[in-house]
Amino acid sequence: MSGVNDMMTKQSDDVIVKTLSRLLIPFMQIYALYVIAHGHYSPGGGFQGGVILGASLILLVITYGLDNALRKMSEKMNTILCSTGVFIYAGIGVLCLILGGNFLDYAELDQILHVGIAQARSLGILGVEVGVGITVMAGKYFSAIGRIIRTSHVVNTLKPSKVVK
């Protein structure tokens, strides 16, 4: 367990792992944004794209260690992103209510967007997908680093057992 813990909290010394992750992470994130952006009219969407974004951040933790990853995206920033995603999702729904429709009745958004009902629905769904993607990404990352921190705390508090001869 200690070996796994060291792998997650310390920076990898392996040149191959660092090089591959440096090459893969940007492509993972671009693909995740593609999945989110096209999820309102094709397979995919906010949840799937958010999971891919979260996985790219977890790869960052595995490769560069917990301390370096937390410098790139702190727990505070993660909390802000998670809250922002929920706010976007709920905000679009409440806006539809204020405009006289049902919760997430995207046709009502045409009153303020003036783009036609079909386009207003498409934009409303896209906004919800973005909000869900941000929330899932932040939640996935937060749960992974929380588990790493809890595991490192448990491993560090365990006393070595005495060898019985």
Foldseek 3Di string as FASTA:
>chain_A
DVVVLCLQAAADPDPVLVVVLVVVLVVLLVVLVVQQQCVLPDPHFQQNSLVSLLVNLSSVRSHHGDVVSCVVPNLVNLVVLLVQLVCQQQVLQVVCVVLPHHRLCQQSQCVPVVPHSVVSNSVSRSSNRNSSSSNSNSVSNVVVVVVSVVVVVVVVPDDDDDDDD
